[in-house]
Amino acid sequence: MPDALPTHSDPFHALKDEFRHHLETFYAGLKLAPPYESVEKAVRTLTTLVHALPKEAQVRILSDPTQRWQMFQRAFDASGLAKKH
């Protein structure tokens, strides 16, 4: 039997897109082009941090804006983007 196509998208895809959007907005506010490699590294860092959490914590991050922002800040710091500015 062939593999079935997923019926829903990766729930973390929206989280990564939201983080990427916030980073682009941040750089637009600085009137700078985003350092794309560094932004992608920050998104990968976010993914690593979230996937390292227990499932319950992952669900909370997806549903709680405050926890999402805390995770975004952790990824921003851990990726090294914070040191560039």
N, C-alpha and C. Protein backbone atom coordinates (compact mmCIF):
# COMPACT_ATOMS: atom_id res chain seq x y z
N MET A 1 0.85 -1.18 0.00
CA MET A 1 0.00 0.00 0.00
C MET A 1 0.90 1.25 0.00
N PRO A 2 0.68 2.20 -0.88
CA PRO A 2 1.51 3.40 -0.92
C PRO A 2 1.29 4.26 0.31
N ASP A 3 2.32 5.04 0.61
CA ASP A 3 2.21 5.96 1.76
C ASP A 3 1.10 6.96 1.50
N ALA A 4 0.31 7.19 2.52
CA ALA A 4 -0.77 8.18 2.42
C ALA A 4 -0.18 9.57 2.60
N LEU A 5 -0.75 10.53 1.92
CA LEU A 5 -0.33 11.91 2.11
C LEU A 5 -0.86 12.40 3.44
N PRO A 6 -0.08 13.21 4.15
CA PRO A 6 -0.58 13.72 5.43
C PRO A 6 -1.83 14.55 5.22
N THR A 7 -2.76 14.42 6.16
CA THR A 7 -4.01 15.16 6.05
C THR A 7 -3.91 16.54 6.68
N HIS A 8 -2.85 16.79 7.42
CA HIS A 8 -2.65 18.12 8.01
C HIS A 8 -1.17 18.46 7.93
N SER A 9 -0.87 19.72 7.99
CA SER A 9 0.53 20.14 7.90
C SER A 9 1.22 19.99 9.25
N ASP A 10 2.51 20.04 9.22
CA ASP A 10 3.33 19.99 10.42
C ASP A 10 2.92 21.16 11.32
N PRO A 11 2.50 20.90 12.55
CA PRO A 11 2.08 22.02 13.42
C PRO A 11 3.22 22.98 13.71
N PHE A 12 4.45 22.51 13.60
CA PHE A 12 5.59 23.38 13.88
C PHE A 12 5.95 24.24 12.68
N HIS A 13 5.42 23.91 11.52
CA HIS A 13 5.66 24.73 10.33
C HIS A 13 5.13 26.14 10.57
N ALA A 14 3.95 26.26 11.12
CA ALA A 14 3.37 27.58 11.41
C ALA A 14 4.21 28.32 12.45
N LEU A 15 4.73 27.60 13.43
CA LEU A 15 5.57 28.20 14.46
C LEU A 15 6.84 28.76 13.83
N LYS A 16 7.47 27.99 12.96
CA LYS A 16 8.69 28.44 12.28
C LYS A 16 8.39 29.64 11.39
N ASP A 17 7.27 29.60 10.68
CA ASP A 17 6.89 30.73 9.84
C ASP A 17 6.66 31.99 10.66
N GLU A 18 6.00 31.84 11.81
CA GLU A 18 5.75 32.99 12.68
C GLU A 18 7.07 33.58 13.17
N PHE A 19 8.00 32.73 13.59
CA PHE A 19 9.30 33.20 14.07
C PHE A 19 10.05 33.92 12.95
N ARG A 20 10.06 33.32 11.77
CA ARG A 20 10.74 33.93 10.62
C ARG A 20 10.12 35.30 10.32
N HIS A 21 8.80 35.39 10.38
CA HIS A 21 8.11 36.67 10.13
C HIS A 21 8.53 37.72 11.17
N HIS A 22 8.60 37.34 12.43
CA HIS A 22 9.02 38.28 13.47
C HIS A 22 10.45 38.76 13.24
N LEU A 23 11.32 37.84 12.81
CA LEU A 23 12.70 38.23 12.54
C LEU A 23 12.76 39.20 11.36
N GLU A 24 11.99 38.92 10.32
CA GLU A 24 11.97 39.82 9.16
C GLU A 24 11.43 41.19 9.55
N THR A 25 10.41 41.22 10.41
CA THR A 25 9.85 42.49 10.89
C THR A 25 10.88 43.25 11.71
N PHE A 26 11.62 42.52 12.55
CA PHE A 26 12.67 43.12 13.37
C PHE A 26 13.72 43.80 12.48
N TYR A 27 14.18 43.08 11.47
CA TYR A 27 15.20 43.66 10.59
C TYR A 27 14.64 44.80 9.74
N ALA A 28 13.39 44.70 9.34
CA ALA A 28 12.77 45.80 8.59
C ALA A 28 12.72 47.06 9.44
N GLY A 29 12.43 46.88 10.74
CA GLY A 29 12.41 48.02 11.66
C GLY A 29 13.78 48.66 11.81
N LEU A 30 14.83 47.86 11.67
CA LEU A 30 16.19 48.38 11.72
C LEU A 30 16.64 48.93 10.36
N LYS A 31 15.78 48.74 9.36
CA LYS A 31 16.09 49.13 7.98
C LYS A 31 17.33 48.39 7.47
N LEU A 32 17.41 47.11 7.82
CA LEU A 32 18.50 46.24 7.38
C LEU A 32 17.93 45.03 6.66
N ALA A 33 18.68 44.54 5.72
CA ALA A 33 18.30 43.27 5.11
C ALA A 33 18.60 42.17 6.12
N PRO A 34 17.68 41.24 6.32
CA PRO A 34 17.94 40.17 7.27
C PRO A 34 19.12 39.30 6.81
N PRO A 35 19.99 38.93 7.72
CA PRO A 35 21.08 38.01 7.35
C PRO A 35 20.48 36.60 7.19
N TYR A 36 20.14 36.25 5.96
CA TYR A 36 19.33 35.06 5.72
C TYR A 36 19.91 33.79 6.31
N GLU A 37 21.22 33.59 6.21
CA GLU A 37 21.81 32.38 6.78
C GLU A 37 21.63 32.36 8.30
N SER A 38 21.80 33.51 8.93
CA SER A 38 21.63 33.60 10.39
C SER A 38 20.17 33.42 10.79
N VAL A 39 19.25 33.95 9.98
CA VAL A 39 17.82 33.78 10.26
C VAL A 39 17.47 32.30 10.15
N GLU A 40 17.97 31.64 9.12
CA GLU A 40 17.67 30.21 8.96
C GLU A 40 18.30 29.39 10.08
N LYS A 41 19.47 29.81 10.54
CA LYS A 41 20.09 29.13 11.69
C LYS A 41 19.22 29.30 12.93
N ALA A 42 18.66 30.49 13.12
CA ALA A 42 17.78 30.74 14.26
C ALA A 42 16.52 29.88 14.17
N VAL A 43 15.98 29.72 12.97
CA VAL A 43 14.79 28.89 12.78
C VAL A 43 15.13 27.43 13.08
N ARG A 44 16.30 26.97 12.63
CA ARG A 44 16.73 25.60 12.94
C ARG A 44 16.94 25.42 14.45
N THR A 45 17.47 26.44 15.10
CA THR A 45 17.66 26.40 16.54
C THR A 45 16.31 26.30 17.25
N LEU A 46 15.34 27.08 16.79
CA LEU A 46 13.99 27.00 17.35
C LEU A 46 13.45 25.57 17.23
N THR A 47 13.59 24.99 16.05
CA THR A 47 13.10 23.63 15.81
C THR A 47 13.76 22.66 16.77
N THR A 48 15.07 22.76 16.93
CA THR A 48 15.81 21.87 17.84
C THR A 48 15.34 22.03 19.28
N LEU A 49 15.18 23.29 19.71
CA LEU A 49 14.75 23.55 21.08
C LEU A 49 13.35 23.00 21.35
N VAL A 50 12.44 23.21 20.42
CA VAL A 50 11.06 22.75 20.61
C VAL A 50 10.99 21.23 20.59
N HIS A 51 11.69 20.60 19.65
CA HIS A 51 11.62 19.15 19.55
C HIS A 51 12.28 18.45 20.74
N ALA A 52 13.15 19.15 21.46
CA ALA A 52 13.79 18.58 22.65
C ALA A 52 12.86 18.57 23.87
N LEU A 53 11.76 19.30 23.78
CA LEU A 53 10.81 19.39 24.89
C LEU A 53 9.85 18.20 24.90
N PRO A 54 9.30 17.89 26.07
CA PRO A 54 8.24 16.87 26.12
C PRO A 54 7.04 17.33 25.30
N LYS A 55 6.27 16.37 24.82
CA LYS A 55 5.10 16.67 23.97
C LYS A 55 4.15 17.67 24.62
N GLU A 56 3.94 17.55 25.92
CA GLU A 56 3.02 18.46 26.61
C GLU A 56 3.51 19.91 26.50
N ALA A 57 4.80 20.10 26.66
CA ALA A 57 5.37 21.45 26.56
C ALA A 57 5.28 21.97 25.13
N GLN A 58 5.47 21.09 24.15
CA GLN A 58 5.34 21.49 22.75
C GLN A 58 3.92 21.98 22.46
N VAL A 59 2.94 21.27 22.98
CA VAL A 59 1.54 21.65 22.77
C VAL A 59 1.27 23.01 23.42
N ARG A 60 1.81 23.22 24.61
CA ARG A 60 1.61 24.51 25.29
C ARG A 60 2.22 25.65 24.49
N ILE A 61 3.39 25.43 23.93
CA ILE A 61 4.03 26.48 23.13
C ILE A 61 3.19 26.83 21.92
N LEU A 62 2.62 25.81 21.29
CA LEU A 62 1.79 26.05 20.12
C LEU A 62 0.53 26.84 20.45
N SER A 63 0.04 26.68 21.69
CA SER A 63 -1.24 27.31 22.05
C SER A 63 -1.11 28.56 22.91
N ASP A 64 0.07 28.85 23.43
CA ASP A 64 0.25 29.97 24.35
C ASP A 64 1.22 31.00 23.76
N PRO A 65 0.71 32.19 23.38
CA PRO A 65 1.57 33.21 22.78
C PRO A 65 2.75 33.62 23.66
N THR A 66 2.55 33.68 24.97
CA THR A 66 3.64 34.06 25.87
C THR A 66 4.76 33.03 25.82
N GLN A 67 4.42 31.76 25.84
CA GLN A 67 5.44 30.72 25.77
C GLN A 67 6.12 30.70 24.40
N ARG A 68 5.35 31.01 23.33
CA ARG A 68 5.96 31.09 22.00
C ARG A 68 7.03 32.18 21.98
N TRP A 69 6.69 33.37 22.53
CA TRP A 69 7.65 34.47 22.55
C TRP A 69 8.89 34.10 23.37
N GLN A 70 8.69 33.40 24.48
CA GLN A 70 9.84 32.97 25.29
C GLN A 70 10.73 32.02 24.49
N MET A 71 10.11 31.12 23.74
CA MET A 71 10.87 30.18 22.92
C MET A 71 11.57 30.92 21.78
N PHE A 72 10.90 31.91 21.18
CA PHE A 72 11.52 32.71 20.13
C PHE A 72 12.76 33.43 20.68
N GLN A 73 12.63 33.98 21.88
CA GLN A 73 13.78 34.68 22.48
C GLN A 73 14.92 33.71 22.73
N ARG A 74 14.61 32.52 23.25
CA ARG A 74 15.66 31.52 23.48
C ARG A 74 16.37 31.17 22.18
N ALA A 75 15.62 30.98 21.11
CA ALA A 75 16.21 30.62 19.82
C ALA A 75 17.04 31.79 19.28
N PHE A 76 16.53 33.01 19.44
CA PHE A 76 17.25 34.21 18.99
C PHE A 76 18.59 34.30 19.69
N ASP A 77 18.59 34.09 21.00
CA ASP A 77 19.83 34.15 21.79
C ASP A 77 20.76 32.98 21.47
N ALA A 78 20.21 31.77 21.47
CA ALA A 78 21.02 30.57 21.28
C ALA A 78 21.63 30.49 19.88
N SER A 79 20.97 31.08 18.90
CA SER A 79 21.47 31.02 17.53
C SER A 79 22.62 32.00 17.28
N GLY A 80 22.78 32.96 18.19
CA GLY A 80 23.83 33.95 18.03
C GLY A 80 23.35 35.25 17.39
N LEU A 81 22.08 35.31 16.98
CA LEU A 81 21.58 36.55 16.36
C LEU A 81 21.66 37.73 17.34
N ALA A 82 21.41 37.46 18.60
CA ALA A 82 21.41 38.54 19.60
C ALA A 82 22.78 39.21 19.69
N LYS A 83 23.84 38.46 19.43
CA LYS A 83 25.20 39.00 19.53
C LYS A 83 25.55 39.88 18.34
N LYS A 84 24.77 39.80 17.28
CA LYS A 84 25.06 40.59 16.08
C LYS A 84 24.54 42.01 16.18
N HIS A 85 23.71 42.30 17.20
CA HIS A 85 23.09 43.62 17.27
C HIS A 85 23.25 44.23 18.63
